[in-house]
Amino acid sequence: MAINKNKILSVIVFLEVFFKLFCTTNITNSSNYGLDWP
């Protein structure tokens, strides 16, 4: 259980950091990406 909890927490933290980085990059280079986010 502890190992699974740590894995899940690691994934959540990684996704959070990745999402923040992606959002920052997307906002700065929005013109370079032709992506439409809802």
PDB file of N, CA and C in Angstrom:
ATOM      1  N   MET A   1       0.835  -1.207   0.000  1.00  0.00           N
ATOM      2  CA  MET A   1       0.000   0.000   0.000  1.00  0.00           C
ATOM      3  C   MET A   1       0.873   1.261   0.000  1.00  0.00           C
ATOM      4  N   ALA A   2       1.898   1.257   0.850  1.00  0.00           N
ATOM      5  CA  ALA A   2       2.757   2.442   0.956  1.00  0.00           C
ATOM      6  C   ALA A   2       3.466   2.708  -0.374  1.00  0.00           C
ATOM      7  N   ILE A   3       3.931   1.618  -1.009  1.00  0.00           N
ATOM      8  CA  ILE A   3       4.634   1.795  -2.283  1.00  0.00           C
ATOM      9  C   ILE A   3       3.669   2.361  -3.326  1.00  0.00           C
ATOM     10  N   ASN A   4       2.453   1.822  -3.370  1.00  0.00           N
ATOM     11  CA  ASN A   4       1.469   2.321  -4.338  1.00  0.00           C
ATOM     12  C   ASN A   4       1.151   3.786  -4.073  1.00  0.00           C
ATOM     13  N   LYS A   5       1.011   4.137  -2.791  1.00  0.00           N
ATOM     14  CA  LYS A   5       0.700   5.523  -2.442  1.00  0.00           C
ATOM     15  C   LYS A   5       1.828   6.438  -2.909  1.00  0.00           C
ATOM     16  N   ASN A   6       3.075   6.019  -2.680  1.00  0.00           N
ATOM     17  CA  ASN A   6       4.208   6.841  -3.083  1.00  0.00           C
ATOM     18  C   ASN A   6       4.256   6.975  -4.600  1.00  0.00           C
ATOM     19  N   LYS A   7       3.964   5.889  -5.302  1.00  0.00           N
ATOM     20  CA  LYS A   7       3.961   5.941  -6.771  1.00  0.00           C
ATOM     21  C   LYS A   7       2.900   6.916  -7.268  1.00  0.00           C
ATOM     22  N   ILE A   8       1.713   6.827  -6.673  1.00  0.00           N
ATOM     23  CA  ILE A   8       0.618   7.712  -7.084  1.00  0.00           C
ATOM     24  C   ILE A   8       0.985   9.163  -6.796  1.00  0.00           C
ATOM     25  N   LEU A   9       1.563   9.416  -5.620  1.00  0.00           N
ATOM     26  CA  LEU A   9       1.956  10.786  -5.266  1.00  0.00           C
ATOM     27  C   LEU A   9       3.010  11.291  -6.237  1.00  0.00           C
ATOM     28  N   SER A  10       3.951  10.426  -6.586  1.00  0.00           N
ATOM     29  CA  SER A  10       5.006  10.836  -7.520  1.00  0.00           C
ATOM     30  C   SER A  10       4.404  11.192  -8.868  1.00  0.00           C
ATOM     31  N   VAL A  11       3.459  10.379  -9.321  1.00  0.00           N
ATOM     32  CA  VAL A  11       2.814  10.644 -10.608  1.00  0.00           C
ATOM     33  C   VAL A  11       2.045  11.964 -10.552  1.00  0.00           C
ATOM     34  N   ILE A  12       1.337  12.187  -9.449  1.00  0.00           N
ATOM     35  CA  ILE A  12       0.555  13.421  -9.312  1.00  0.00           C
ATOM     36  C   ILE A  12       1.480  14.639  -9.329  1.00  0.00           C
ATOM     37  N   VAL A  13       2.573  14.551  -8.578  1.00  0.00           N
ATOM     38  CA  VAL A  13       3.518  15.675  -8.535  1.00  0.00           C
ATOM     39  C   VAL A  13       4.111  15.895  -9.914  1.00  0.00           C
ATOM     40  N   PHE A  14       4.494  14.799 -10.581  1.00  0.00           N
ATOM     41  CA  PHE A  14       5.080  14.919 -11.916  1.00  0.00           C
ATOM     42  C   PHE A  14       4.089  15.555 -12.885  1.00  0.00           C
ATOM     43  N   LEU A  15       2.854  15.091 -12.846  1.00  0.00           N
ATOM     44  CA  LEU A  15       1.834  15.651 -13.745  1.00  0.00           C
ATOM     45  C   LEU A  15       1.600  17.124 -13.441  1.00  0.00           C
ATOM     46  N   GLU A  16       1.604  17.464 -12.157  1.00  0.00           N
ATOM     47  CA  GLU A  16       1.378  18.865 -11.769  1.00  0.00           C
ATOM     48  C   GLU A  16       2.485  19.755 -12.331  1.00  0.00           C
ATOM     49  N   VAL A  17       3.738  19.311 -12.145  1.00  0.00           N
ATOM     50  CA  VAL A  17       4.871  20.090 -12.652  1.00  0.00           C
ATOM     51  C   VAL A  17       4.822  20.153 -14.171  1.00  0.00           C
ATOM     52  N   PHE A  18       4.567  19.008 -14.810  1.00  0.00           N
ATOM     53  CA  PHE A  18       4.508  18.966 -16.272  1.00  0.00           C
ATOM     54  C   PHE A  18       3.399  19.875 -16.788  1.00  0.00           C
ATOM     55  N   PHE A  19       2.244  19.841 -16.121  1.00  0.00           N
ATOM     56  CA  PHE A  19       1.113  20.669 -16.547  1.00  0.00           C
ATOM     57  C   PHE A  19       1.455  22.147 -16.439  1.00  0.00           C
ATOM     58  N   LYS A  20       2.120  22.514 -15.324  1.00  0.00           N
ATOM     59  CA  LYS A  20       2.501  23.921 -15.147  1.00  0.00           C
ATOM     60  C   LYS A  20       3.490  24.336 -16.224  1.00  0.00           C
ATOM     61  N   LEU A  21       4.478  23.480 -16.484  1.00  0.00           N
ATOM     62  CA  LEU A  21       5.477  23.801 -17.509  1.00  0.00           C
ATOM     63  C   LEU A  21       4.799  23.908 -18.870  1.00  0.00           C
ATOM     64  N   PHE A  22       3.905  22.968 -19.163  1.00  0.00           N
ATOM     65  CA  PHE A  22       3.226  22.964 -20.453  1.00  0.00           C
ATOM     66  C   PHE A  22       2.357  24.203 -20.604  1.00  0.00           C
ATOM     67  N   CYS A  23       1.652  24.571 -19.542  1.00  0.00           N
ATOM     68  CA  CYS A  23       0.789  25.758 -19.595  1.00  0.00           C
ATOM     69  C   CYS A  23       1.641  27.002 -19.830  1.00  0.00           C
ATOM     70  N   THR A  24       2.745  27.101 -19.131  1.00  0.00           N
ATOM     71  CA  THR A  24       3.619  28.266 -19.285  1.00  0.00           C
ATOM     72  C   THR A  24       4.141  28.331 -20.720  1.00  0.00           C
ATOM     73  N   THR A  25       4.591  27.179 -21.224  1.00  0.00           N
ATOM     74  CA  THR A  25       5.113  27.145 -22.596  1.00  0.00           C
ATOM     75  C   THR A  25       3.999  27.464 -23.583  1.00  0.00           C
ATOM     76  N   ASN A  26       2.812  26.918 -23.344  1.00  0.00           N
ATOM     77  CA  ASN A  26       1.699  27.134 -24.263  1.00  0.00           C
ATOM     78  C   ASN A  26       1.307  28.601 -24.281  1.00  0.00           C
ATOM     79  N   ILE A  27       1.342  29.250 -23.134  1.00  0.00           N
ATOM     80  CA  ILE A  27       0.953  30.669 -23.063  1.00  0.00           C
ATOM     81  C   ILE A  27       2.012  31.534 -23.741  1.00  0.00           C
ATOM     82  N   THR A  28       3.296  31.204 -23.537  1.00  0.00           N
ATOM     83  CA  THR A  28       4.349  32.030 -24.117  1.00  0.00           C
ATOM     84  C   THR A  28       4.433  31.821 -25.623  1.00  0.00           C
ATOM     85  N   ASN A  29       4.233  30.588 -26.074  1.00  0.00           N
ATOM     86  CA  ASN A  29       4.367  30.303 -27.505  1.00  0.00           C
ATOM     87  C   ASN A  29       3.016  29.892 -28.095  1.00  0.00           C
ATOM     88  N   SER A  30       1.947  30.541 -27.663  1.00  0.00           N
ATOM     89  CA  SER A  30       0.618  30.150 -28.126  1.00  0.00           C
ATOM     90  C   SER A  30       0.511  30.278 -29.638  1.00  0.00           C
ATOM     91  N   SER A  31       1.248  31.207 -30.226  1.00  0.00           N
ATOM     92  CA  SER A  31       1.157  31.412 -31.669  1.00  0.00           C
ATOM     93  C   SER A  31       1.840  30.270 -32.419  1.00  0.00           C
ATOM     94  N   ASN A  32       2.782  29.593 -31.760  1.00  0.00           N
ATOM     95  CA  ASN A  32       3.489  28.496 -32.424  1.00  0.00           C
ATOM     96  C   ASN A  32       2.660  27.214 -32.416  1.00  0.00           C
ATOM     97  N   TYR A  33       1.719  27.106 -31.472  1.00  0.00           N
ATOM     98  CA  TYR A  33       0.868  25.921 -31.397  1.00  0.00           C
ATOM     99  C   TYR A  33      -0.521  26.268 -31.923  1.00  0.00           C
ATOM    100  N   GLY A  34      -1.019  25.470 -32.843  1.00  0.00           N
ATOM    101  CA  GLY A  34      -2.365  25.704 -33.346  1.00  0.00           C
ATOM    102  C   GLY A  34      -3.362  24.887 -32.563  1.00  0.00           C
ATOM    103  N   LEU A  35      -3.214  24.891 -31.235  1.00  0.00           N
ATOM    104  CA  LEU A  35      -4.066  24.042 -30.408  1.00  0.00           C
ATOM    105  C   LEU A  35      -5.178  24.863 -29.779  1.00  0.00           C
ATOM    106  N   ASP A  36      -6.359  24.275 -29.755  1.00  0.00           N
ATOM    107  CA  ASP A  36      -7.512  24.926 -29.125  1.00  0.00           C
ATOM    108  C   ASP A  36      -7.886  24.144 -27.884  1.00  0.00           C
ATOM    109  N   TRP A  37      -7.691  24.740 -26.709  1.00  0.00           N
ATOM    110  CA  TRP A  37      -8.064  24.055 -25.468  1.00  0.00           C
ATOM    111  C   TRP A  37      -9.400  24.594 -24.974  1.00  0.00           C
ATOM    112  N   PRO A  38     -10.275  23.704 -24.565  1.00  0.00           N
ATOM    113  CA  PRO A  38     -11.607  24.115 -24.094  1.00  0.00           C
ATOM    114  C   PRO A  38     -11.534  24.970 -22.841  1.00  0.00           C
TER     115      PRO A  38
END
